[in-house]
C-alpha atoms as a PDB file:
ATOM      1  CA  UNK A   1      -0.001  -0.004   0.001  1.00  0.00           C
ATOM      2  CA  UNK A   2       2.907   2.341   0.625  1.00  0.00           C
ATOM      3  CA  UNK A   3       3.824   2.079  -3.039  1.00  0.00           C
ATOM      4  CA  UNK A   4       0.250   2.941  -4.090  1.00  0.00           C
ATOM      5  CA  UNK A   5       0.251   5.908  -1.662  1.00  0.00           C
ATOM      6  CA  UNK A   6       3.485   7.196  -3.131  1.00  0.00           C
ATOM      7  CA  UNK A   7       2.126   6.883  -6.661  1.00  0.00           C
ATOM      8  CA  UNK A   8      -1.099   8.677  -5.759  1.00  0.00           C
ATOM      9  CA  UNK A   9       0.772  11.395  -3.896  1.00  0.00           C
ATOM     10  CA  UNK A  10       3.035  11.931  -6.887  1.00  0.00           C
ATOM     11  CA  UNK A  11       0.035  12.163  -9.237  1.00  0.00           C
ATOM     12  CA  UNK A  12      -1.672  14.724  -6.990  1.00  0.00           C
ATOM     13  CA  UNK A  13       1.446  16.869  -6.818  1.00  0.00           C
ATOM     14  CA  UNK A  14       1.805  16.722 -10.575  1.00  0.00           C
ATOM     15  CA  UNK A  15      -1.839  17.328 -11.486  1.00  0.00           C
ATOM     16  CA  UNK A  16      -2.709  19.710  -8.642  1.00  0.00           C
ATOM     17  CA  UNK A  17       0.504  21.441  -7.557  1.00  0.00           C
ATOM     18  CA  UNK A  18      -1.174  24.623  -6.397  1.00  0.00           C
ATOM     19  CA  UNK A  19      -4.525  23.223  -5.213  1.00  0.00           C
ATOM     20  CA  UNK A  20      -5.533  23.314  -1.596  1.00  0.00           C
ATOM     21  CA  UNK A  21      -5.308  20.246   0.640  1.00  0.00           C
ATOM     22  CA  UNK A  22      -9.050  19.605   0.664  1.00  0.00           C
ATOM     23  CA  UNK A  23      -9.234  19.377  -3.124  1.00  0.00           C
ATOM     24  CA  UNK A  24      -6.232  17.066  -3.153  1.00  0.00           C
ATOM     25  CA  UNK A  25      -7.971  14.742  -0.732  1.00  0.00           C
ATOM     26  CA  UNK A  26     -11.088  14.611  -2.914  1.00  0.00           C
ATOM     27  CA  UNK A  27      -9.083  13.826  -6.032  1.00  0.00           C
ATOM     28  CA  UNK A  28      -7.056  11.151  -4.263  1.00  0.00           C
ATOM     29  CA  UNK A  29     -10.229   9.506  -3.049  1.00  0.00           C
ATOM     30  CA  UNK A  30     -11.665   9.384  -6.575  1.00  0.00           C
ATOM     31  CA  UNK A  31      -8.453   7.999  -8.078  1.00  0.00           C
ATOM     32  CA  UNK A  32      -8.123   5.441  -5.292  1.00  0.00           C
ATOM     33  CA  UNK A  33     -11.710   4.281  -5.633  1.00  0.00           C
ATOM     34  CA  UNK A  34     -11.403   3.986  -9.406  1.00  0.00           C
ATOM     35  CA  UNK A  35      -8.175   2.007  -9.124  1.00  0.00           C
ATOM     36  CA  UNK A  36      -9.599  -0.461  -6.641  1.00  0.00           C
ATOM     37  CA  UNK A  37     -12.762  -0.836  -8.732  1.00  0.00           C
ATOM     38  CA  UNK A  38     -10.702  -1.538 -11.851  1.00  0.00           C
ATOM     39  CA  UNK A  39      -8.525  -4.191 -10.266  1.00  0.00           C
ATOM     40  CA  UNK A  40     -11.503  -5.784  -8.554  1.00  0.00           C
ATOM     41  CA  UNK A  41     -13.445  -5.848 -11.829  1.00  0.00           C
ATOM     42  CA  UNK A  42     -10.656  -7.811 -13.507  1.00  0.00           C
ATOM     43  CA  UNK A  43     -11.393 -10.710 -11.191  1.00  0.00           C
ATOM     44  CA  UNK A  44     -14.807 -11.254 -12.806  1.00  0.00           C
ATOM     45  CA  UNK A  45     -15.547 -13.264 -15.950  1.00  0.00           C
ATOM     46  CA  UNK A  46     -16.410 -11.597 -19.285  1.00  0.00           C
ATOM     47  CA  UNK A  47     -17.240 -12.352 -22.900  1.00  0.00           C
ATOM     48  CA  UNK A  48     -15.550 -10.272 -25.570  1.00  0.00           C
ATOM     49  CA  UNK A  49     -14.054 -10.250 -29.033  1.00  0.00           C
ATOM     50  CA  UNK A  50     -10.304 -10.195 -29.533  1.00  0.00           C
ATOM     51  CA  UNK A  51      -8.051 -10.277 -32.584  1.00  0.00           C
ATOM     52  CA  UNK A  52      -5.674 -13.163 -32.070  1.00  0.00           C
ATOM     53  CA  UNK A  53      -2.351 -13.497 -33.961  1.00  0.00           C
ATOM     54  CA  UNK A  54      -2.107 -16.433 -36.358  1.00  0.00           C
ATOM     55  CA  UNK A  55       0.677 -18.155 -38.263  1.00  0.00           C
ATOM     56  CA  UNK A  56       0.175 -20.421 -41.280  1.00  0.00           C
ATOM     57  CA  UNK A  57       2.255 -23.602 -41.377  1.00  0.00           C
ATOM     58  CA  UNK A  58       3.219 -25.053 -44.773  1.00  0.00           C
ATOM     59  CA  UNK A  59       6.388 -26.269 -46.550  1.00  0.00           C
ATOM     60  CA  UNK A  60       7.963 -22.929 -47.430  1.00  0.00           C
ATOM     61  CA  UNK A  61      10.623 -24.676 -49.496  1.00  0.00           C
ATOM     62  CA  UNK A  62       8.070 -25.563 -52.192  1.00  0.00           C
ATOM     63  CA  UNK A  63       5.376 -22.926 -51.629  1.00  0.00           C
ATOM     64  CA  UNK A  64       5.473 -19.115 -51.519  1.00  0.00           C
ATOM     65  CA  UNK A  65       2.794 -16.500 -50.619  1.00  0.00           C
ATOM     66  CA  UNK A  66       1.908 -14.333 -53.590  1.00  0.00           C
ATOM     67  CA  UNK A  67       0.191 -11.785 -51.339  1.00  0.00           C
ATOM     68  CA  UNK A  68       0.648 -11.017 -47.655  1.00  0.00           C
ATOM     69  CA  UNK A  69      -1.148 -13.602 -45.535  1.00  0.00           C
ATOM     70  CA  UNK A  70      -3.649 -12.633 -42.799  1.00  0.00           C
ATOM     71  CA  UNK A  71      -1.906 -12.042 -39.475  1.00  0.00           C
ATOM     72  CA  UNK A  72      -4.909 -12.060 -37.112  1.00  0.00           C
ATOM     73  CA  UNK A  73      -8.262 -13.745 -36.709  1.00  0.00           C
ATOM     74  CA  UNK A  74     -11.229 -12.268 -34.804  1.00  0.00           C
ATOM     75  CA  UNK A  75     -12.615 -14.639 -32.180  1.00  0.00           C
ATOM     76  CA  UNK A  76     -15.323 -14.428 -29.493  1.00  0.00           C
ATOM     77  CA  UNK A  77     -14.077 -15.710 -26.135  1.00  0.00           C
ATOM     78  CA  UNK A  78     -14.981 -15.857 -22.461  1.00  0.00           C
ATOM     79  CA  UNK A  79     -12.660 -15.740 -19.482  1.00  0.00           C
ATOM     80  CA  UNK A  80     -11.388 -13.886 -16.490  1.00  0.00           C
ATOM     81  CA  UNK A  81     -10.680 -10.199 -16.808  1.00  0.00           C
ATOM     82  CA  UNK A  82      -6.955 -10.586 -16.209  1.00  0.00           C
ATOM     83  CA  UNK A  83      -6.620 -13.296 -18.851  1.00  0.00           C
ATOM     84  CA  UNK A  84      -8.666 -11.370 -21.386  1.00  0.00           C
ATOM     85  CA  UNK A  85      -6.565  -8.281 -20.724  1.00  0.00           C
ATOM     86  CA  UNK A  86      -3.362 -10.192 -21.440  1.00  0.00           C
ATOM     87  CA  UNK A  87      -4.768 -11.753 -24.605  1.00  0.00           C
ATOM     88  CA  UNK A  88      -6.195  -8.469 -25.875  1.00  0.00           C
ATOM     89  CA  UNK A  89      -2.922  -6.598 -25.582  1.00  0.00           C
ATOM     90  CA  UNK A  90      -0.836  -9.569 -26.733  1.00  0.00           C
ATOM     91  CA  UNK A  91       1.245 -10.018 -23.599  1.00  0.00           C
ATOM     92  CA  UNK A  92       3.324 -13.179 -24.188  1.00  0.00           C
ATOM     93  CA  UNK A  93       0.783 -14.409 -26.728  1.00  0.00           C
ATOM     94  CA  UNK A  94       2.064 -17.088 -29.104  1.00  0.00           C
ATOM     95  CA  UNK A  95       0.433 -17.020 -32.575  1.00  0.00           C
ATOM     96  CA  UNK A  96      -2.100 -19.710 -33.337  1.00  0.00           C
ATOM     97  CA  UNK A  97      -0.633 -22.325 -35.707  1.00  0.00           C
ATOM     98  CA  UNK A  98      -2.850 -23.009 -38.727  1.00  0.00           C
ATOM     99  CA  UNK A  99      -1.528 -25.906 -40.847  1.00  0.00           C
ATOM    100  CA  UNK A 100      -2.189 -25.851 -44.598  1.00  0.00           C
ATOM    101  CA  UNK A 101      -2.206 -28.914 -46.810  1.00  0.00           C
ATOM    102  CA  UNK A 102      -1.799 -28.270 -50.543  1.00  0.00           C
ATOM    103  CA  UNK A 103      -2.052 -24.491 -50.035  1.00  0.00           C
ATOM    104  CA  UNK A 104      -1.673 -23.752 -53.750  1.00  0.00           C
ATOM    105  CA  UNK A 105      -5.017 -25.456 -54.462  1.00  0.00           C
ATOM    106  CA  UNK A 106      -7.112 -23.061 -52.344  1.00  0.00           C
ATOM    107  CA  UNK A 107      -7.537 -19.307 -52.066  1.00  0.00           C
ATOM    108  CA  UNK A 108      -9.587 -18.996 -48.880  1.00  0.00           C
ATOM    109  CA  UNK A 109     -10.268 -20.656 -45.529  1.00  0.00           C
ATOM    110  CA  UNK A 110     -13.622 -20.564 -43.795  1.00  0.00           C
ATOM    111  CA  UNK A 111     -13.288 -19.224 -40.265  1.00  0.00           C
ATOM    112  CA  UNK A 112     -15.741 -21.776 -38.923  1.00  0.00           C
ATOM    113  CA  UNK A 113     -13.484 -24.620 -40.103  1.00  0.00           C
ATOM    114  CA  UNK A 114     -10.758 -23.466 -37.699  1.00  0.00           C
ATOM    115  CA  UNK A 115     -12.762 -23.845 -34.493  1.00  0.00           C
ATOM    116  CA  UNK A 116     -11.181 -27.093 -33.288  1.00  0.00           C
ATOM    117  CA  UNK A 117      -7.677 -25.989 -34.405  1.00  0.00           C
ATOM    118  CA  UNK A 118      -7.904 -22.741 -32.441  1.00  0.00           C
ATOM    119  CA  UNK A 119      -9.764 -24.204 -29.463  1.00  0.00           C
ATOM    120  CA  UNK A 120      -6.987 -26.749 -28.901  1.00  0.00           C
ATOM    121  CA  UNK A 121      -4.337 -24.036 -28.773  1.00  0.00           C
ATOM    122  CA  UNK A 122      -5.763 -21.270 -26.614  1.00  0.00           C
ATOM    123  CA  UNK A 123      -5.408 -21.506 -22.851  1.00  0.00           C
ATOM    124  CA  UNK A 124      -6.901 -19.664 -19.870  1.00  0.00           C
ATOM    125  CA  UNK A 125      -9.875 -18.508 -21.951  1.00  0.00           C
ATOM    126  CA  UNK A 126     -12.758 -20.294 -23.658  1.00  0.00           C
ATOM    127  CA  UNK A 127     -13.452 -20.021 -27.385  1.00  0.00           C
ATOM    128  CA  UNK A 128     -17.136 -19.388 -28.109  1.00  0.00           C
ATOM    129  CA  UNK A 129     -17.041 -18.942 -31.878  1.00  0.00           C
ATOM    130  CA  UNK A 130     -14.907 -17.480 -34.679  1.00  0.00           C
ATOM    131  CA  UNK A 131     -16.131 -14.117 -35.890  1.00  0.00           C
ATOM    132  CA  UNK A 132     -13.910 -13.912 -38.995  1.00  0.00           C
ATOM    133  CA  UNK A 133     -15.967 -15.337 -41.832  1.00  0.00           C
ATOM    134  CA  UNK A 134     -13.197 -15.967 -44.390  1.00  0.00           C
ATOM    135  CA  UNK A 135      -9.411 -15.815 -44.445  1.00  0.00           C
ATOM    136  CA  UNK A 136      -8.167 -15.066 -47.954  1.00  0.00           C
ATOM    137  CA  UNK A 137      -4.840 -16.659 -48.909  1.00  0.00           C
ATOM    138  CA  UNK A 138      -2.806 -16.650 -52.127  1.00  0.00           C
ATOM    139  CA  UNK A 139      -0.026 -19.211 -52.033  1.00  0.00           C
ATOM    140  CA  UNK A 140       1.616 -20.644 -55.125  1.00  0.00           C
ATOM    141  CA  UNK A 141       3.996 -23.465 -55.884  1.00  0.00           C
ATOM    142  CA  UNK A 142       7.651 -22.512 -56.356  1.00  0.00           C
ATOM    143  CA  UNK A 143       8.919 -23.241 -59.847  1.00  0.00           C
ATOM    144  CA  UNK A 144      12.254 -22.799 -61.619  1.00  0.00           C
ATOM    145  CA  UNK A 145      12.902 -22.207 -65.310  1.00  0.00           C
ATOM    146  CA  UNK A 146      16.055 -21.718 -67.328  1.00  0.00           C
ATOM    147  CA  UNK A 147      15.839 -19.374 -70.323  1.00  0.00           C
ATOM    148  CA  UNK A 148      18.199 -18.245 -73.034  1.00  0.00           C
ATOM    149  CA  UNK A 149      19.063 -14.541 -73.009  1.00  0.00           C
ATOM    150  CA  UNK A 150      18.976 -12.700 -76.340  1.00  0.00           C
ATOM    151  CA  UNK A 151      19.518  -9.063 -77.254  1.00  0.00           C
ATOM    152  CA  UNK A 152      16.820  -7.038 -78.993  1.00  0.00           C
ATOM    153  CA  UNK A 153      19.190  -5.957 -81.767  1.00  0.00           C
ATOM    154  CA  UNK A 154      16.449  -4.174 -83.731  1.00  0.00           C
ATOM    155  CA  UNK A 155      15.882  -1.847 -80.777  1.00  0.00           C
ATOM    156  CA  UNK A 156      19.547  -0.795 -80.430  1.00  0.00           C
ATOM    157  CA  UNK A 157      19.749   2.940 -81.071  1.00  0.00           C
ATOM    158  CA  UNK A 158      23.020   4.053 -82.663  1.00  0.00           C
ATOM    159  CA  UNK A 159      24.139   7.548 -83.570  1.00  0.00           C
ATOM    160  CA  UNK A 160      23.743   8.539 -87.201  1.00  0.00           C
ATOM    161  CA  UNK A 161      26.113   6.731 -89.596  1.00  0.00           C
ATOM    162  CA  UNK A 162      27.301   4.310 -86.870  1.00  0.00           C
ATOM    163  CA  UNK A 163      27.039   0.541 -87.199  1.00  0.00           C
ATOM    164  CA  UNK A 164      27.710  -2.517 -85.076  1.00  0.00           C
ATOM    165  CA  UNK A 165      30.877  -4.149 -86.430  1.00  0.00           C
ATOM    166  CA  UNK A 166      31.222  -7.226 -84.207  1.00  0.00           C
ATOM    167  CA  UNK A 167      29.048 -10.069 -82.928  1.00  0.00           C
ATOM    168  CA  UNK A 168      26.863  -9.061 -79.972  1.00  0.00           C
ATOM    169  CA  UNK A 169      28.089 -10.950 -76.926  1.00  0.00           C
ATOM    170  CA  UNK A 170      25.903 -11.691 -73.894  1.00  0.00           C
ATOM    171  CA  UNK A 171      27.511 -13.087 -70.761  1.00  0.00           C
ATOM    172  CA  UNK A 172      26.124 -15.326 -69.435  1.00  0.00           C
ATOM    173  CA  UNK A 173      23.833 -16.268 -72.293  1.00  0.00           C
ATOM    174  CA  UNK A 174      21.226 -17.933 -70.054  1.00  0.00           C
ATOM    175  CA  UNK A 175      19.580 -17.298 -66.682  1.00  0.00           C
ATOM    176  CA  UNK A 176      17.543 -19.186 -64.105  1.00  0.00           C
ATOM    177  CA  UNK A 177      14.249 -17.770 -62.818  1.00  0.00           C
ATOM    178  CA  UNK A 178      12.642 -19.003 -59.578  1.00  0.00           C
ATOM    179  CA  UNK A 179       9.358 -17.890 -58.051  1.00  0.00           C
ATOM    180  CA  UNK A 180       5.560 -18.405 -57.991  1.00  0.00           C
ATOM    181  CA  UNK A 181       4.359 -20.717 -60.722  1.00  0.00           C
ATOM    182  CA  UNK A 182       1.856 -18.177 -62.067  1.00  0.00           C
ATOM    183  CA  UNK A 183       4.714 -15.866 -63.047  1.00  0.00           C
ATOM    184  CA  UNK A 184       7.329 -18.441 -64.013  1.00  0.00           C
ATOM    185  CA  UNK A 185       5.038 -20.151 -66.540  1.00  0.00           C
ATOM    186  CA  UNK A 186       4.800 -16.881 -68.498  1.00  0.00           C
ATOM    187  CA  UNK A 187       8.555 -16.590 -68.973  1.00  0.00           C
ATOM    188  CA  UNK A 188       9.463 -17.445 -72.602  1.00  0.00           C
ATOM    189  CA  UNK A 189      12.225 -19.862 -73.559  1.00  0.00           C
ATOM    190  CA  UNK A 190      14.106 -16.928 -75.126  1.00  0.00           C
ATOM    191  CA  UNK A 191      14.191 -13.741 -73.032  1.00  0.00           C
ATOM    192  CA  UNK A 192      14.878 -10.533 -74.966  1.00  0.00           C
ATOM    193  CA  UNK A 193      16.777  -7.761 -73.221  1.00  0.00           C
ATOM    194  CA  UNK A 194      16.702  -4.173 -74.496  1.00  0.00           C
ATOM    195  CA  UNK A 195      19.268  -1.421 -74.169  1.00  0.00           C
ATOM    196  CA  UNK A 196      18.122   1.809 -72.552  1.00  0.00           C
ATOM    197  CA  UNK A 197      21.064   3.738 -74.031  1.00  0.00           C
ATOM    198  CA  UNK A 198      20.493   5.768 -77.176  1.00  0.00           C
ATOM    199  CA  UNK A 199      22.765   7.517 -79.656  1.00  0.00           C
ATOM    200  CA  UNK A 200      25.464   4.906 -79.099  1.00  0.00           C
ATOM    201  CA  UNK A 201      28.721   5.741 -80.894  1.00  0.00           C
ATOM    202  CA  UNK A 202      31.381   3.966 -78.815  1.00  0.00           C
ATOM    203  CA  UNK A 203      32.177   0.323 -78.202  1.00  0.00           C
ATOM    204  CA  UNK A 204      29.466  -0.929 -75.837  1.00  0.00           C
ATOM    205  CA  UNK A 205      29.946  -2.912 -72.602  1.00  0.00           C
ATOM    206  CA  UNK A 206      27.247  -2.604 -69.950  1.00  0.00           C
ATOM    207  CA  UNK A 207      25.390  -4.665 -67.334  1.00  0.00           C
ATOM    208  CA  UNK A 208      21.695  -5.081 -68.177  1.00  0.00           C
ATOM    209  CA  UNK A 209      19.237  -6.043 -65.432  1.00  0.00           C
ATOM    210  CA  UNK A 210      16.924  -8.943 -66.236  1.00  0.00           C
ATOM    211  CA  UNK A 211      13.168  -8.575 -65.899  1.00  0.00           C
ATOM    212  CA  UNK A 212      11.218 -10.016 -62.941  1.00  0.00           C
ATOM    213  CA  UNK A 213       8.189 -10.500 -65.218  1.00  0.00           C
ATOM    214  CA  UNK A 214       5.748  -8.554 -63.114  1.00  0.00           C
ATOM    215  CA  UNK A 215       6.637  -9.749 -59.630  1.00  0.00           C
ATOM    216  CA  UNK A 216       9.327  -8.923 -57.094  1.00  0.00           C
ATOM    217  CA  UNK A 217       8.925 -12.543 -55.892  1.00  0.00           C
ATOM    218  CA  UNK A 218      10.753 -13.795 -59.002  1.00  0.00           C
ATOM    219  CA  UNK A 219      14.419 -14.407 -58.253  1.00  0.00           C
ATOM    220  CA  UNK A 220      16.935 -14.201 -61.106  1.00  0.00           C
ATOM    221  CA  UNK A 221      20.297 -15.894 -61.298  1.00  0.00           C
ATOM    222  CA  UNK A 222      22.140 -13.886 -62.398  1.00  0.00           C
ATOM    223  CA  UNK A 223      20.346 -10.597 -61.824  1.00  0.00           C
ATOM    224  CA  UNK A 224      22.300  -8.891 -64.632  1.00  0.00           C
ATOM    225  CA  UNK A 225      23.998  -9.916 -67.865  1.00  0.00           C
ATOM    226  CA  UNK A 226      26.793  -8.099 -69.661  1.00  0.00           C
ATOM    227  CA  UNK A 227      26.191  -6.989 -73.249  1.00  0.00           C
ATOM    228  CA  UNK A 228      29.198  -6.155 -75.439  1.00  0.00           C
ATOM    229  CA  UNK A 229      29.712  -5.162 -79.081  1.00  0.00           C
ATOM    230  CA  UNK A 230      31.904  -2.892 -81.185  1.00  0.00           C
ATOM    231  CA  UNK A 231      30.677   0.207 -82.977  1.00  0.00           C
ATOM    232  CA  UNK A 232      32.280   2.180 -85.798  1.00  0.00           C
ATOM    233  CA  UNK A 233      31.350   5.217 -87.839  1.00  0.00           C
ATOM    234  CA  UNK A 234      30.647   4.759 -91.520  1.00  0.00           C
ATOM    235  CA  UNK A 235      30.896   7.484 -94.157  1.00  0.00           C
ATOM    236  CA  UNK A 236      29.310   7.748 -97.581  1.00  0.00           C
ATOM    237  CA  UNK A 237      31.745   7.576-100.486  1.00  0.00           C
ATOM    238  CA  UNK A 238      31.032   8.783-104.017  1.00  0.00           C
ATOM    239  CA  UNK A 239      33.721   8.071-106.612  1.00  0.00           C
ATOM    240  CA  UNK A 240      34.006   8.864-110.327  1.00  0.00           C
ATOM    241  CA  UNK A 241      35.847   5.975-111.986  1.00  0.00           C
ATOM    242  CA  UNK A 242      36.886   5.510-115.657  1.00  0.00           C
ATOM    243  CA  UNK A 243      35.664   2.392-117.416  1.00  0.00           C
ATOM    244  CA  UNK A 244      36.776   0.242-120.323  1.00  0.00           C
ATOM    245  CA  UNK A 245      34.652  -1.539-122.935  1.00  0.00           C
ATOM    246  CA  UNK A 246      34.529  -5.162-124.070  1.00  0.00           C
ATOM    247  CA  UNK A 247      32.851  -7.133-126.859  1.00  0.00           C
ATOM    248  CA  UNK A 248      32.918  -4.166-129.228  1.00  0.00           C
ATOM    249  CA  UNK A 249      30.660  -4.738-132.270  1.00  0.00           C
ATOM    250  CA  UNK A 250      31.547  -3.732-135.816  1.00  0.00           C
ATOM    251  CA  UNK A 251      29.421  -0.608-135.507  1.00  0.00           C
ATOM    252  CA  UNK A 252      30.775   0.324-132.076  1.00  0.00           C
ATOM    253  CA  UNK A 253      31.574   3.792-133.336  1.00  0.00           C
ATOM    254  CA  UNK A 254      27.839   4.407-133.642  1.00  0.00           C
ATOM    255  CA  UNK A 255      27.456   4.161-129.854  1.00  0.00           C
ATOM    256  CA  UNK A 256      28.088   7.617-128.453  1.00  0.00           C
ATOM    257  CA  UNK A 257      28.688   7.764-124.666  1.00  0.00           C
ATOM    258  CA  UNK A 258      27.549  10.883-122.826  1.00  0.00           C
ATOM    259  CA  UNK A 259      29.493   9.972-119.648  1.00  0.00           C
ATOM    260  CA  UNK A 260      33.231   9.322-119.622  1.00  0.00           C
ATOM    261  CA  UNK A 261      33.254   8.307-115.936  1.00  0.00           C
ATOM    262  CA  UNK A 262      31.018   6.024-113.907  1.00  0.00           C
ATOM    263  CA  UNK A 263      29.759   7.028-110.461  1.00  0.00           C
ATOM    264  CA  UNK A 264      30.147   4.554-107.540  1.00  0.00           C
ATOM    265  CA  UNK A 265      28.338   4.956-104.210  1.00  0.00           C
ATOM    266  CA  UNK A 266      29.013   2.938-101.039  1.00  0.00           C
ATOM    267  CA  UNK A 267      29.534   3.195 -97.288  1.00  0.00           C
ATOM    268  CA  UNK A 268      32.813   2.361 -95.613  1.00  0.00           C
ATOM    269  CA  UNK A 269      34.303   2.524 -92.151  1.00  0.00           C
ATOM    270  CA  UNK A 270      35.805   5.905 -91.525  1.00  0.00           C
ATOM    271  CA  UNK A 271      39.076   4.249 -90.487  1.00  0.00           C
ATOM    272  CA  UNK A 272      39.270   2.413 -93.823  1.00  0.00           C
ATOM    273  CA  UNK A 273      38.361   5.301 -96.108  1.00  0.00           C
ATOM    274  CA  UNK A 274      41.961   5.940 -97.135  1.00  0.00           C
ATOM    275  CA  UNK A 275      43.098   2.321 -97.324  1.00  0.00           C
ATOM    276  CA  UNK A 276      42.543   1.676-101.047  1.00  0.00           C
ATOM    277  CA  UNK A 277      43.801   2.958-104.398  1.00  0.00           C
ATOM    278  CA  UNK A 278      41.313   4.275-106.926  1.00  0.00           C
ATOM    279  CA  UNK A 279      43.388   2.805-109.759  1.00  0.00           C
ATOM    280  CA  UNK A 280      42.714  -0.694-108.441  1.00  0.00           C
ATOM    281  CA  UNK A 281      38.983  -0.337-109.160  1.00  0.00           C
ATOM    282  CA  UNK A 282      38.252  -1.650-112.649  1.00  0.00           C
ATOM    283  CA  UNK A 283      34.906  -1.182-114.445  1.00  0.00           C
ATOM    284  CA  UNK A 284      33.800  -2.482-117.817  1.00  0.00           C
ATOM    285  CA  UNK A 285      30.933  -1.714-120.142  1.00  0.00           C
ATOM    286  CA  UNK A 286      29.840  -4.736-122.112  1.00  0.00           C
ATOM    287  CA  UNK A 287      28.479  -3.873-125.538  1.00  0.00           C
ATOM    288  CA  UNK A 288      26.367  -7.008-125.379  1.00  0.00           C
ATOM    289  CA  UNK A 289      24.336  -5.331-122.652  1.00  0.00           C
ATOM    290  CA  UNK A 290      23.581  -2.391-124.968  1.00  0.00           C
ATOM    291  CA  UNK A 291      20.987  -2.076-127.660  1.00  0.00           C
ATOM    292  CA  UNK A 292      20.227   0.439-130.324  1.00  0.00           C
ATOM    293  CA  UNK A 293      16.906   1.295-128.673  1.00  0.00           C
ATOM    294  CA  UNK A 294      18.084   1.642-125.056  1.00  0.00           C
ATOM    295  CA  UNK A 295      19.947   4.682-123.758  1.00  0.00           C
ATOM    296  CA  UNK A 296      21.605   3.449-120.538  1.00  0.00           C
ATOM    297  CA  UNK A 297      23.934   0.658-119.524  1.00  0.00           C
ATOM    298  CA  UNK A 298      25.281  -0.315-116.113  1.00  0.00           C
ATOM    299  CA  UNK A 299      29.067  -0.881-115.938  1.00  0.00           C
ATOM    300  CA  UNK A 300      30.236  -4.163-114.438  1.00  0.00           C
ATOM    301  CA  UNK A 301      32.721  -4.259-111.555  1.00  0.00           C
ATOM    302  CA  UNK A 302      35.744  -6.305-112.620  1.00  0.00           C
ATOM    303  CA  UNK A 303      38.100  -5.669-109.730  1.00  0.00           C
ATOM    304  CA  UNK A 304      37.869  -4.164-106.233  1.00  0.00           C
ATOM    305  CA  UNK A 305      40.420  -3.603-103.472  1.00  0.00           C
ATOM    306  CA  UNK A 306      40.160  -6.108-100.631  1.00  0.00           C
ATOM    307  CA  UNK A 307      38.804  -3.481 -98.270  1.00  0.00           C
ATOM    308  CA  UNK A 308      35.787  -2.874-100.542  1.00  0.00           C
ATOM    309  CA  UNK A 309      34.868  -6.496-101.083  1.00  0.00           C
ATOM    310  CA  UNK A 310      31.617  -7.744 -99.534  1.00  0.00           C
ATOM    311  CA  UNK A 311      30.311  -4.172 -99.429  1.00  0.00           C
ATOM    312  CA  UNK A 312      27.141  -2.968-101.106  1.00  0.00           C
ATOM    313  CA  UNK A 313      28.331  -0.820-103.990  1.00  0.00           C
ATOM    314  CA  UNK A 314      25.903   0.964-106.271  1.00  0.00           C
ATOM    315  CA  UNK A 315      27.061   1.804-109.784  1.00  0.00           C
ATOM    316  CA  UNK A 316      25.130   4.496-111.662  1.00  0.00           C
ATOM    317  CA  UNK A 317      24.120   3.835-115.266  1.00  0.00           C
ATOM    318  CA  UNK A 318      26.114   5.241-118.187  1.00  0.00           C
ATOM    319  CA  UNK A 319      24.081   7.216-120.707  1.00  0.00           C
ATOM    320  CA  UNK A 320      24.627   6.702-124.428  1.00  0.00           C
ATOM    321  CA  UNK A 321      22.805   7.010-127.721  1.00  0.00           C
ATOM    322  CA  UNK A 322      23.059   5.143-131.003  1.00  0.00           C
ATOM    323  CA  UNK A 323      23.895   7.269-134.046  1.00  0.00           C
ATOM    324  CA  UNK A 324      23.014   5.478-137.260  1.00  0.00           C
ATOM    325  CA  UNK A 325      25.678   6.423-139.797  1.00  0.00           C
END
């Protein structure tokens, strides 16, 4: 009682520091009476509703929650005031264990079906009924899939006149995805990765993060892959080259050429633009490809420097006319 008196005296000094002694006595009497009534009332029995913590039990090595599982269930119970007070405020309250068999095959649990499970686990109070009608759960099987990683080469954005000049390398070229089956089954066998960079004009080597396919629950191994390729600038070349003729007919002098040079157009790496000799480019006009009615003929490429081979070269037509003598 001395402890209670000290507490009450401290409260009165704090709440009523300047009040007279008579008022202090009245306040202390009210506080004391209320305190004794409260503690005495806790000795009685009551019926109330409390939200009890729950924990679902299932093999978490093969199943995974897709959404957060319910953490409490509302139950109607009876018991002593002290016990109900402890349960209500969660003092040393162990969660109720709710076992799940084949959790991926169901998406809800009826509260009424848990009566015996909960009743067997609660102590010091009596379970009357379960007020929660339905517990919604979303648990899926864990699945793993290996997919090949490919680059979306069409979507690579290079600066103007730049081209990729090496094979595109992806390291590693495959990845393993693990997570809820509903997401894993939508992962294709070939996963395309896209580059966010634009106006690329230098040799490329960057780490690209793999997609989680709509869920943070999907684990990727590895999380990133490295994409590498070389880039070079190409320039347009336009050359005027002399040509020779072959298979001259007897009336070859009747063919009058308007152009003495043929125009060549192609693209070449800027670093290779000066690595060939114009004299090594040989063009020929074949009289057999000409007629007296036509007015143009396309020269044939007879010889090219090594650096120009396997390049797309456009040769403009040569204009001529036939003069009947």
